[in-house]
């Protein structure tokens, strides 16, 4: 089972991906983690990425897709994978689709975790207050301005993927405003339906 989790920042995609890893044996693929691992391993793709990052440039879609391609060939991805945070735009989605076709694979499901943006701001305020009370400090990205910027980027770049995957018949939306266990049950039911 190969799937993508889409949704606004703070929608709970990472939490659900972790549960799917534990409960279903799927591997969560983080492009940032994979880039760092490829650089550390000194792979050909990793060396190219390192040169680009050392210059302070963004790594191209082709290199990111190459790293994903290498990673999904690993034995632990045998049951499937979860992409969270990639693709971020239609060009990346098309490149991902092409790479998967070359490997005789495909995406089985794209799940949009829908959330109320007003509640996301409430969550950030609460998380920052809890963190400050517990540790005396707050994560640098736990603030409304950062969330507002990330939401704008999501709406401009990633949200246009919804019609792209809907046209393929792979998009399913779930209510991410429910408790974590309820969201997990909805995702589980979708996976069972697609199997």
N, C-alpha and C. Protein backbone atom coordinates (compact mmCIF):
# COMPACT_ATOMS: atom_id res chain seq x y z
N UNK A 1 0.85 -1.18 0.00
CA UNK A 1 0.00 0.00 0.00
C UNK A 1 0.89 1.23 0.00
N UNK A 2 0.81 2.02 -1.05
CA UNK A 2 1.60 3.24 -1.18
C UNK A 2 0.64 4.43 -1.13
N UNK A 3 0.91 5.34 -0.21
CA UNK A 3 -0.03 6.45 -0.08
C UNK A 3 0.65 7.77 0.24
N UNK A 4 -0.11 8.81 0.01
CA UNK A 4 0.31 10.18 0.33
C UNK A 4 -0.69 10.74 1.32
N UNK A 5 -0.19 11.43 2.33
CA UNK A 5 -1.05 12.18 3.24
C UNK A 5 -0.90 13.65 2.90
N UNK A 6 -2.00 14.29 2.58
CA UNK A 6 -2.02 15.73 2.28
C UNK A 6 -2.85 16.44 3.34
N UNK A 7 -2.53 17.68 3.56
CA UNK A 7 -3.30 18.48 4.51
C UNK A 7 -2.47 19.67 4.95
N UNK A 8 -3.15 20.64 5.49
CA UNK A 8 -2.49 21.86 5.94
C UNK A 8 -1.50 21.54 7.06
N UNK A 9 -0.52 22.42 7.27
CA UNK A 9 0.40 22.24 8.39
C UNK A 9 -0.39 22.15 9.69
N UNK A 10 -0.03 21.20 10.52
CA UNK A 10 -0.72 21.04 11.80
C UNK A 10 -1.95 20.16 11.73
N UNK A 11 -2.21 19.56 10.56
CA UNK A 11 -3.42 18.73 10.39
C UNK A 11 -3.30 17.38 11.08
N UNK A 12 -2.08 17.01 11.48
CA UNK A 12 -1.91 15.72 12.15
C UNK A 12 -1.41 14.61 11.24
N UNK A 13 -0.89 14.97 10.08
CA UNK A 13 -0.42 13.97 9.12
C UNK A 13 0.72 13.14 9.71
N UNK A 14 1.66 13.79 10.37
CA UNK A 14 2.80 13.09 10.95
C UNK A 14 2.37 12.09 12.01
N UNK A 15 1.42 12.49 12.84
CA UNK A 15 0.90 11.60 13.88
C UNK A 15 0.27 10.37 13.24
N UNK A 16 -0.52 10.58 12.20
CA UNK A 16 -1.18 9.45 11.54
C UNK A 16 -0.18 8.57 10.80
N UNK A 17 0.84 9.17 10.21
CA UNK A 17 1.87 8.38 9.51
C UNK A 17 2.60 7.48 10.50
N UNK A 18 2.90 8.00 11.69
CA UNK A 18 3.56 7.18 12.71
C UNK A 18 2.69 5.99 13.11
N UNK A 19 1.40 6.22 13.24
CA UNK A 19 0.49 5.12 13.60
C UNK A 19 0.45 4.07 12.49
N UNK A 20 0.42 4.53 11.24
CA UNK A 20 0.39 3.58 10.12
C UNK A 20 1.67 2.76 10.06
N UNK A 21 2.77 3.38 10.42
CA UNK A 21 4.04 2.63 10.47
C UNK A 21 3.94 1.50 11.49
N UNK A 22 3.46 1.84 12.67
CA UNK A 22 3.38 0.87 13.75
C UNK A 22 2.32 -0.20 13.47
N UNK A 23 1.15 0.23 13.03
CA UNK A 23 0.02 -0.69 12.90
C UNK A 23 -0.01 -1.46 11.59
N UNK A 24 0.53 -0.88 10.52
CA UNK A 24 0.40 -1.51 9.20
C UNK A 24 1.75 -1.89 8.57
N UNK A 25 2.84 -1.50 9.21
CA UNK A 25 4.15 -1.84 8.66
C UNK A 25 4.55 -1.03 7.45
N UNK A 26 3.86 0.09 7.22
CA UNK A 26 4.23 0.98 6.12
C UNK A 26 5.38 1.87 6.60
N UNK A 27 6.21 2.32 5.68
CA UNK A 27 7.36 3.14 6.04
C UNK A 27 7.06 4.60 5.71
N UNK A 28 7.21 5.45 6.71
CA UNK A 28 7.01 6.89 6.50
C UNK A 28 8.28 7.44 5.87
N UNK A 29 8.12 8.10 4.73
CA UNK A 29 9.26 8.67 4.03
C UNK A 29 9.25 10.18 4.16
N UNK A 30 10.28 10.69 4.79
CA UNK A 30 10.47 12.13 4.92
C UNK A 30 11.58 12.52 3.96
N UNK A 31 11.28 13.42 3.03
CA UNK A 31 12.30 13.79 2.04
C UNK A 31 13.51 14.42 2.70
N UNK A 32 13.30 15.20 3.75
CA UNK A 32 14.43 15.80 4.46
C UNK A 32 15.34 14.75 5.06
N UNK A 33 14.73 13.77 5.75
CA UNK A 33 15.51 12.69 6.35
C UNK A 33 16.24 11.89 5.27
N UNK A 34 15.54 11.62 4.16
CA UNK A 34 16.16 10.83 3.09
C UNK A 34 17.32 11.57 2.45
N UNK A 35 17.18 12.88 2.28
CA UNK A 35 18.28 13.68 1.71
C UNK A 35 19.50 13.61 2.61
N UNK A 36 19.28 13.81 3.91
CA UNK A 36 20.41 13.76 4.85
C UNK A 36 21.05 12.37 4.85
N UNK A 37 20.25 11.32 4.78
CA UNK A 37 20.79 9.95 4.78
C UNK A 37 21.58 9.68 3.50
N UNK A 38 21.09 10.15 2.36
CA UNK A 38 21.79 9.93 1.09
C UNK A 38 23.12 10.67 1.09
N UNK A 39 23.14 11.87 1.64
CA UNK A 39 24.39 12.63 1.74
C UNK A 39 25.36 11.89 2.65
N UNK A 40 24.88 11.45 3.80
CA UNK A 40 25.74 10.74 4.77
C UNK A 40 26.27 9.43 4.19
N UNK A 41 25.44 8.75 3.38
CA UNK A 41 25.85 7.46 2.80
C UNK A 41 26.79 7.64 1.60
N UNK A 42 26.84 8.87 1.08
CA UNK A 42 27.73 9.13 -0.05
C UNK A 42 27.26 8.52 -1.36
N UNK A 43 25.93 8.29 -1.49
CA UNK A 43 25.41 7.75 -2.75
C UNK A 43 25.61 8.79 -3.86
N UNK A 44 25.48 8.34 -5.10
CA UNK A 44 25.64 9.26 -6.23
C UNK A 44 24.64 10.41 -6.11
N UNK A 45 23.38 10.07 -5.83
CA UNK A 45 22.36 11.11 -5.67
C UNK A 45 22.68 11.98 -4.47
N UNK A 46 23.16 11.37 -3.39
CA UNK A 46 23.54 12.12 -2.20
C UNK A 46 24.66 13.12 -2.47
N UNK A 47 25.64 12.69 -3.27
CA UNK A 47 26.75 13.61 -3.60
C UNK A 47 26.25 14.80 -4.40
N UNK A 48 25.34 14.55 -5.36
CA UNK A 48 24.77 15.65 -6.15
C UNK A 48 24.00 16.61 -5.24
N UNK A 49 23.19 16.01 -4.34
CA UNK A 49 22.41 16.84 -3.42
C UNK A 49 23.31 17.67 -2.53
N UNK A 50 24.41 17.08 -2.05
CA UNK A 50 25.33 17.79 -1.16
C UNK A 50 25.95 19.00 -1.87
N UNK A 51 26.36 18.81 -3.11
CA UNK A 51 26.93 19.94 -3.87
C UNK A 51 25.93 21.09 -3.95
N UNK A 52 24.68 20.75 -4.24
CA UNK A 52 23.64 21.78 -4.38
C UNK A 52 23.38 22.46 -3.04
N UNK A 53 23.25 21.66 -1.97
CA UNK A 53 22.96 22.23 -0.65
C UNK A 53 24.13 23.06 -0.14
N UNK A 54 25.36 22.62 -0.45
CA UNK A 54 26.54 23.38 -0.03
C UNK A 54 26.58 24.76 -0.68
N UNK A 55 25.99 24.89 -1.85
CA UNK A 55 25.91 26.19 -2.52
C UNK A 55 24.77 27.03 -1.96
N UNK A 56 23.92 26.40 -1.13
CA UNK A 56 22.78 27.12 -0.56
C UNK A 56 21.56 27.09 -1.47
N UNK A 57 21.60 26.24 -2.50
CA UNK A 57 20.47 26.15 -3.42
C UNK A 57 19.51 25.05 -2.98
N UNK A 58 18.30 25.11 -3.53
CA UNK A 58 17.31 24.06 -3.26
C UNK A 58 17.60 22.86 -4.14
N UNK A 59 17.42 21.68 -3.60
CA UNK A 59 17.63 20.45 -4.36
C UNK A 59 16.49 20.32 -5.36
N UNK A 60 16.83 19.95 -6.59
CA UNK A 60 15.84 19.85 -7.67
C UNK A 60 14.85 18.72 -7.41
N UNK A 61 13.70 18.83 -8.07
CA UNK A 61 12.70 17.78 -7.98
C UNK A 61 13.27 16.45 -8.46
N UNK A 62 14.09 16.48 -9.52
CA UNK A 62 14.66 15.25 -10.07
C UNK A 62 15.51 14.53 -9.02
N UNK A 63 16.28 15.28 -8.26
CA UNK A 63 17.12 14.66 -7.24
C UNK A 63 16.25 14.11 -6.10
N UNK A 64 15.25 14.86 -5.67
CA UNK A 64 14.37 14.38 -4.61
C UNK A 64 13.65 13.10 -5.06
N UNK A 65 13.14 13.09 -6.28
CA UNK A 65 12.47 11.89 -6.79
C UNK A 65 13.47 10.74 -6.89
N UNK A 66 14.72 11.04 -7.26
CA UNK A 66 15.75 10.01 -7.32
C UNK A 66 16.01 9.40 -5.94
N UNK A 67 16.02 10.24 -4.93
CA UNK A 67 16.24 9.75 -3.57
C UNK A 67 15.05 8.90 -3.11
N UNK A 68 13.83 9.33 -3.44
CA UNK A 68 12.65 8.53 -3.12
C UNK A 68 12.72 7.20 -3.86
N UNK A 69 13.11 7.25 -5.11
CA UNK A 69 13.23 6.03 -5.92
C UNK A 69 14.19 5.04 -5.28
N UNK A 70 15.36 5.53 -4.87
CA UNK A 70 16.34 4.66 -4.20
C UNK A 70 15.76 4.09 -2.90
N UNK A 71 15.05 4.94 -2.16
CA UNK A 71 14.56 4.54 -0.84
C UNK A 71 13.47 3.48 -0.92
N UNK A 72 12.56 3.61 -1.90
CA UNK A 72 11.46 2.64 -1.96
C UNK A 72 11.91 1.29 -2.48
N UNK A 73 13.15 1.21 -2.98
CA UNK A 73 13.72 -0.08 -3.38
C UNK A 73 14.24 -0.87 -2.18
N UNK A 74 14.34 -0.23 -1.02
CA UNK A 74 14.85 -0.91 0.17
C UNK A 74 13.83 -1.94 0.68
N UNK A 75 14.32 -3.05 1.23
CA UNK A 75 13.43 -4.12 1.67
C UNK A 75 12.34 -3.70 2.66
N UNK A 76 12.64 -2.72 3.54
CA UNK A 76 11.64 -2.34 4.53
C UNK A 76 10.42 -1.65 3.92
N UNK A 77 10.52 -1.25 2.65
CA UNK A 77 9.37 -0.63 1.97
C UNK A 77 8.52 -1.67 1.24
N UNK A 78 8.79 -2.93 1.50
CA UNK A 78 8.08 -4.01 0.82
C UNK A 78 6.57 -3.98 1.01
N UNK A 79 6.11 -3.57 2.20
CA UNK A 79 4.67 -3.51 2.47
C UNK A 79 4.07 -2.20 1.97
N UNK A 80 4.92 -1.24 1.67
CA UNK A 80 4.43 0.04 1.17
C UNK A 80 5.05 1.21 1.92
N UNK A 81 4.68 2.40 1.46
CA UNK A 81 5.25 3.62 2.04
C UNK A 81 4.20 4.71 2.15
N UNK A 82 4.53 5.69 2.98
CA UNK A 82 3.69 6.87 3.20
C UNK A 82 4.53 8.09 2.90
N UNK A 83 4.08 8.93 2.00
CA UNK A 83 4.74 10.20 1.76
C UNK A 83 3.95 11.30 2.46
N UNK A 84 4.63 12.08 3.26
CA UNK A 84 4.03 13.20 3.98
C UNK A 84 4.97 14.38 3.75
N UNK A 85 4.49 15.39 3.02
CA UNK A 85 5.35 16.53 2.73
C UNK A 85 5.91 16.48 1.32
N UNK A 86 5.59 15.46 0.57
CA UNK A 86 5.98 15.34 -0.83
C UNK A 86 4.91 14.51 -1.52
N UNK A 87 4.48 14.89 -2.69
CA UNK A 87 4.88 16.07 -3.47
C UNK A 87 4.26 17.34 -2.91
N UNK A 88 4.90 18.46 -3.25
CA UNK A 88 4.41 19.75 -2.81
C UNK A 88 3.75 20.55 -3.93
N UNK A 89 3.89 20.07 -5.17
CA UNK A 89 3.28 20.75 -6.30
C UNK A 89 3.04 19.75 -7.42
N UNK A 90 2.35 20.18 -8.47
CA UNK A 90 1.97 19.25 -9.54
C UNK A 90 3.16 18.72 -10.31
N UNK A 91 4.19 19.52 -10.51
CA UNK A 91 5.39 19.04 -11.22
C UNK A 91 6.02 17.88 -10.46
N UNK A 92 6.09 18.00 -9.14
CA UNK A 92 6.64 16.91 -8.32
C UNK A 92 5.73 15.69 -8.39
N UNK A 93 4.40 15.90 -8.39
CA UNK A 93 3.46 14.79 -8.45
C UNK A 93 3.62 14.03 -9.76
N UNK A 94 3.79 14.77 -10.86
CA UNK A 94 3.96 14.11 -12.15
C UNK A 94 5.28 13.33 -12.19
N UNK A 95 6.33 13.92 -11.66
CA UNK A 95 7.64 13.24 -11.63
C UNK A 95 7.56 11.98 -10.77
N UNK A 96 6.87 12.06 -9.65
CA UNK A 96 6.68 10.90 -8.79
C UNK A 96 5.92 9.80 -9.52
N UNK A 97 4.82 10.18 -10.19
CA UNK A 97 4.02 9.20 -10.94
C UNK A 97 4.87 8.49 -12.00
N UNK A 98 5.67 9.27 -12.74
CA UNK A 98 6.52 8.70 -13.80
C UNK A 98 7.52 7.71 -13.21
N UNK A 99 8.15 8.08 -12.09
CA UNK A 99 9.14 7.20 -11.47
C UNK A 99 8.48 5.90 -11.00
N UNK A 100 7.29 6.01 -10.41
CA UNK A 100 6.60 4.82 -9.93
C UNK A 100 6.21 3.90 -11.10
N UNK A 101 5.74 4.48 -12.19
CA UNK A 101 5.39 3.68 -13.38
C UNK A 101 6.61 2.92 -13.88
N UNK A 102 7.77 3.59 -13.92
CA UNK A 102 9.01 2.93 -14.36
C UNK A 102 9.34 1.73 -13.48
N UNK A 103 8.95 1.77 -12.22
CA UNK A 103 9.23 0.68 -11.28
C UNK A 103 8.10 -0.35 -11.23
N UNK A 104 7.04 -0.11 -12.01
CA UNK A 104 5.90 -1.01 -11.97
C UNK A 104 5.08 -0.85 -10.70
N UNK A 105 5.14 0.33 -10.10
CA UNK A 105 4.40 0.62 -8.86
C UNK A 105 3.44 1.76 -9.12
N UNK A 106 2.59 2.01 -8.15
CA UNK A 106 1.70 3.16 -8.24
C UNK A 106 1.28 3.60 -6.84
N UNK A 107 0.71 4.78 -6.78
CA UNK A 107 0.09 5.24 -5.54
C UNK A 107 -1.27 4.58 -5.45
N UNK A 108 -1.58 4.03 -4.28
CA UNK A 108 -2.88 3.40 -4.10
C UNK A 108 -3.92 4.41 -3.61
N UNK A 109 -3.45 5.40 -2.86
CA UNK A 109 -4.38 6.27 -2.16
C UNK A 109 -3.71 7.59 -1.83
N UNK A 110 -4.49 8.67 -1.95
CA UNK A 110 -4.05 9.99 -1.48
C UNK A 110 -5.13 10.45 -0.50
N UNK A 111 -4.72 10.67 0.74
CA UNK A 111 -5.67 11.03 1.80
C UNK A 111 -5.45 12.48 2.19
N UNK A 112 -6.50 13.27 2.03
CA UNK A 112 -6.47 14.66 2.49
C UNK A 112 -7.06 14.71 3.88
N UNK A 113 -6.27 15.20 4.82
CA UNK A 113 -6.74 15.39 6.19
C UNK A 113 -7.24 16.83 6.28
N UNK A 114 -8.56 16.99 6.30
CA UNK A 114 -9.16 18.32 6.29
C UNK A 114 -9.25 18.87 7.71
N UNK A 115 -8.89 20.15 7.84
CA UNK A 115 -8.94 20.79 9.15
C UNK A 115 -9.48 22.21 9.03
N UNK A 116 -9.98 22.72 10.14
CA UNK A 116 -10.46 24.09 10.24
C UNK A 116 -9.26 24.95 10.62
N UNK A 117 -8.92 25.91 9.76
CA UNK A 117 -7.72 26.72 10.00
C UNK A 117 -7.81 27.51 11.31
N UNK A 118 -9.00 27.97 11.68
CA UNK A 118 -9.12 28.71 12.94
C UNK A 118 -8.69 27.83 14.11
N UNK A 119 -9.07 26.55 14.06
CA UNK A 119 -8.70 25.62 15.14
C UNK A 119 -7.19 25.38 15.13
N UNK A 120 -6.58 25.39 13.94
CA UNK A 120 -5.12 25.22 13.89
C UNK A 120 -4.43 26.34 14.66
N UNK A 121 -4.93 27.56 14.52
CA UNK A 121 -4.34 28.69 15.26
C UNK A 121 -4.54 28.50 16.76
N UNK A 122 -5.72 28.00 17.15
CA UNK A 122 -5.96 27.72 18.57
C UNK A 122 -4.97 26.66 19.07
N UNK A 123 -4.74 25.62 18.26
CA UNK A 123 -3.81 24.55 18.64
C UNK A 123 -2.39 25.10 18.85
N UNK A 124 -1.97 25.99 17.93
CA UNK A 124 -0.61 26.56 18.03
C UNK A 124 -0.49 27.38 19.31
N UNK A 125 -1.51 28.19 19.59
CA UNK A 125 -1.47 28.99 20.82
C UNK A 125 -1.41 28.09 22.05
N UNK A 126 -2.22 27.04 22.06
CA UNK A 126 -2.24 26.11 23.21
C UNK A 126 -0.91 25.37 23.33
N UNK A 127 -0.37 24.89 22.20
CA UNK A 127 0.89 24.16 22.25
C UNK A 127 2.03 25.05 22.74
N UNK A 128 2.04 26.30 22.29
CA UNK A 128 3.07 27.25 22.73
C UNK A 128 2.93 27.52 24.23
N UNK A 129 1.70 27.70 24.69
CA UNK A 129 1.47 27.98 26.12
C UNK A 129 1.88 26.77 26.98
N UNK A 130 1.51 25.56 26.53
CA UNK A 130 1.87 24.34 27.27
C UNK A 130 3.39 24.15 27.31
N UNK A 131 4.03 24.41 26.18
CA UNK A 131 5.49 24.27 26.10
C UNK A 131 6.18 25.27 27.02
N UNK A 132 5.70 26.51 27.00
CA UNK A 132 6.30 27.55 27.84
C UNK A 132 6.13 27.20 29.31
N UNK A 133 4.96 26.68 29.67
CA UNK A 133 4.70 26.32 31.07
C UNK A 133 5.57 25.14 31.50
N UNK A 134 5.74 24.18 30.60
CA UNK A 134 6.47 22.95 30.95
C UNK A 134 7.98 23.13 30.93
N UNK A 135 8.48 23.87 29.92
CA UNK A 135 9.94 23.95 29.74
C UNK A 135 10.50 25.35 29.87
N UNK A 136 9.62 26.33 29.86
CA UNK A 136 10.10 27.71 29.93
C UNK A 136 10.49 28.26 28.56
N UNK A 137 10.35 27.45 27.52
CA UNK A 137 10.67 27.92 26.17
C UNK A 137 9.63 27.40 25.19
N UNK A 138 9.63 27.99 23.99
CA UNK A 138 8.68 27.63 22.95
C UNK A 138 9.46 27.37 21.67
N UNK A 139 9.05 26.32 20.93
CA UNK A 139 9.69 26.04 19.63
C UNK A 139 9.59 27.28 18.75
N UNK A 140 10.63 27.53 17.98
CA UNK A 140 10.67 28.73 17.14
C UNK A 140 9.52 28.78 16.14
N UNK A 141 9.05 27.61 15.68
CA UNK A 141 7.98 27.62 14.68
C UNK A 141 6.59 27.51 15.30
N UNK A 142 6.48 27.52 16.63
CA UNK A 142 5.18 27.48 17.29
C UNK A 142 4.65 28.90 17.49
N UNK A 143 4.34 29.55 16.38
CA UNK A 143 3.76 30.88 16.49
C UNK A 143 2.81 31.11 15.31
N UNK A 144 1.93 32.06 15.49
CA UNK A 144 0.88 32.30 14.50
C UNK A 144 1.43 32.79 13.17
N UNK A 145 2.46 33.62 13.19
CA UNK A 145 3.02 34.15 11.94
C UNK A 145 3.59 33.03 11.08
N UNK A 146 4.33 32.11 11.71
CA UNK A 146 4.90 30.99 10.97
C UNK A 146 3.79 30.12 10.40
N UNK A 147 2.76 29.84 11.21
CA UNK A 147 1.64 29.03 10.72
C UNK A 147 0.94 29.73 9.56
N UNK A 148 0.72 31.03 9.69
CA UNK A 148 0.06 31.79 8.61
C UNK A 148 0.86 31.67 7.31
N UNK A 149 2.19 31.81 7.40
CA UNK A 149 3.04 31.69 6.20
C UNK A 149 2.97 30.29 5.61
N UNK A 150 3.03 29.28 6.47
CA UNK A 150 3.00 27.89 6.00
C UNK A 150 1.65 27.56 5.35
N UNK A 151 0.57 28.12 5.90
CA UNK A 151 -0.75 27.90 5.31
C UNK A 151 -0.85 28.56 3.94
N UNK A 152 -0.29 29.75 3.80
CA UNK A 152 -0.31 30.44 2.50
C UNK A 152 0.43 29.61 1.46
N UNK A 153 1.59 29.08 1.83
CA UNK A 153 2.37 28.24 0.91
C UNK A 153 1.59 26.98 0.56
N UNK A 154 0.97 26.37 1.57
CA UNK A 154 0.17 25.17 1.32
C UNK A 154 -0.95 25.46 0.32
N UNK A 155 -1.71 26.55 0.57
CA UNK A 155 -2.83 26.88 -0.32
C UNK A 155 -2.35 27.17 -1.74
N UNK A 156 -1.22 27.86 -1.88
CA UNK A 156 -0.73 28.24 -3.20
C UNK A 156 -0.11 27.08 -3.96
N UNK A 157 0.66 26.22 -3.27
CA UNK A 157 1.43 25.20 -3.96
C UNK A 157 0.85 23.80 -3.86
N UNK A 158 0.47 23.39 -2.66
CA UNK A 158 0.10 21.99 -2.45
C UNK A 158 -1.39 21.73 -2.65
N UNK A 159 -2.25 22.62 -2.22
CA UNK A 159 -3.69 22.41 -2.39
C UNK A 159 -4.08 22.14 -3.85
N UNK A 160 -3.39 22.73 -4.85
CA UNK A 160 -3.74 22.40 -6.24
C UNK A 160 -3.52 20.92 -6.60
N UNK A 161 -2.85 20.16 -5.74
CA UNK A 161 -2.71 18.72 -5.99
C UNK A 161 -4.03 17.99 -5.79
N UNK A 162 -4.95 18.55 -5.03
CA UNK A 162 -6.21 17.87 -4.75
C UNK A 162 -6.96 17.54 -6.04
N UNK A 163 -7.17 18.50 -6.97
CA UNK A 163 -7.86 18.12 -8.22
C UNK A 163 -7.03 17.17 -9.08
N UNK A 164 -5.70 17.27 -9.01
CA UNK A 164 -4.83 16.37 -9.77
C UNK A 164 -5.08 14.92 -9.36
N UNK A 165 -5.08 14.66 -8.06
CA UNK A 165 -5.30 13.30 -7.58
C UNK A 165 -6.77 12.88 -7.65
N UNK A 166 -7.68 13.86 -7.55
CA UNK A 166 -9.11 13.54 -7.69
C UNK A 166 -9.37 13.03 -9.10
N UNK A 167 -8.75 13.65 -10.10
CA UNK A 167 -8.92 13.22 -11.49
C UNK A 167 -8.42 11.79 -11.70
N UNK A 168 -7.48 11.36 -10.88
CA UNK A 168 -6.96 9.99 -10.97
C UNK A 168 -7.81 9.01 -10.17
N UNK A 169 -8.80 9.52 -9.43
CA UNK A 169 -9.65 8.67 -8.62
C UNK A 169 -8.98 8.17 -7.34
N UNK A 170 -7.89 8.83 -6.94
CA UNK A 170 -7.13 8.36 -5.77
C UNK A 170 -7.37 9.20 -4.51
N UNK A 171 -7.99 10.35 -4.66
CA UNK A 171 -8.15 11.28 -3.54
C UNK A 171 -9.36 10.91 -2.68
N UNK A 172 -9.11 10.84 -1.38
CA UNK A 172 -10.17 10.65 -0.40
C UNK A 172 -9.93 11.67 0.72
N UNK A 173 -10.98 12.33 1.16
CA UNK A 173 -10.85 13.33 2.21
C UNK A 173 -11.47 12.80 3.50
N UNK A 174 -10.81 13.11 4.60
CA UNK A 174 -11.33 12.73 5.91
C UNK A 174 -11.35 13.95 6.82
N UNK A 175 -12.16 13.87 7.86
CA UNK A 175 -12.30 14.96 8.81
C UNK A 175 -11.18 14.85 9.85
N UNK A 176 -10.19 15.74 9.75
CA UNK A 176 -9.06 15.74 10.67
C UNK A 176 -9.33 16.46 11.98
N UNK A 177 -10.55 16.96 12.17
CA UNK A 177 -10.87 17.69 13.38
C UNK A 177 -11.36 16.77 14.50
N UNK A 178 -11.48 15.50 14.21
CA UNK A 178 -11.91 14.54 15.22
C UNK A 178 -10.73 14.12 16.08
N UNK A 179 -10.97 13.40 17.17
CA UNK A 179 -9.86 12.90 17.99
C UNK A 179 -8.93 12.01 17.15
N UNK A 180 -7.68 11.93 17.56
CA UNK A 180 -6.64 11.20 16.83
C UNK A 180 -7.09 9.77 16.52
N UNK A 181 -7.70 9.08 17.49
CA UNK A 181 -8.13 7.69 17.26
C UNK A 181 -9.22 7.61 16.20
N UNK A 182 -10.12 8.58 16.17
CA UNK A 182 -11.19 8.59 15.16
C UNK A 182 -10.62 8.82 13.77
N UNK A 183 -9.66 9.73 13.68
CA UNK A 183 -9.00 9.99 12.39
C UNK A 183 -8.29 8.71 11.93
N UNK A 184 -7.62 8.05 12.85
CA UNK A 184 -6.91 6.81 12.51
C UNK A 184 -7.88 5.74 12.01
N UNK A 185 -9.07 5.66 12.62
CA UNK A 185 -10.07 4.68 12.19
C UNK A 185 -10.55 4.98 10.77
N UNK A 186 -10.75 6.28 10.48
CA UNK A 186 -11.17 6.66 9.12
C UNK A 186 -10.12 6.25 8.10
N UNK A 187 -8.85 6.51 8.43
CA UNK A 187 -7.76 6.16 7.52
C UNK A 187 -7.69 4.64 7.36
N UNK A 188 -7.80 3.92 8.46
CA UNK A 188 -7.77 2.46 8.40
C UNK A 188 -8.87 1.91 7.52
N UNK A 189 -10.08 2.47 7.64
CA UNK A 189 -11.20 2.01 6.82
C UNK A 189 -10.92 2.25 5.34
N UNK A 190 -10.33 3.39 5.01
CA UNK A 190 -9.97 3.67 3.61
C UNK A 190 -8.95 2.66 3.08
N UNK A 191 -7.93 2.38 3.90
CA UNK A 191 -6.91 1.42 3.48
C UNK A 191 -7.51 0.04 3.27
N UNK A 192 -8.40 -0.37 4.15
CA UNK A 192 -9.04 -1.68 4.03
C UNK A 192 -9.91 -1.75 2.78
N UNK A 193 -10.56 -0.64 2.45
CA UNK A 193 -11.43 -0.57 1.29
C UNK A 193 -10.63 -0.69 -0.02
N UNK A 194 -9.45 -0.09 -0.05
CA UNK A 194 -8.63 -0.06 -1.26
C UNK A 194 -7.87 -1.37 -1.48
N UNK A 195 -7.56 -2.08 -0.40
CA UNK A 195 -6.77 -3.33 -0.49
C UNK A 195 -7.26 -4.26 -1.56
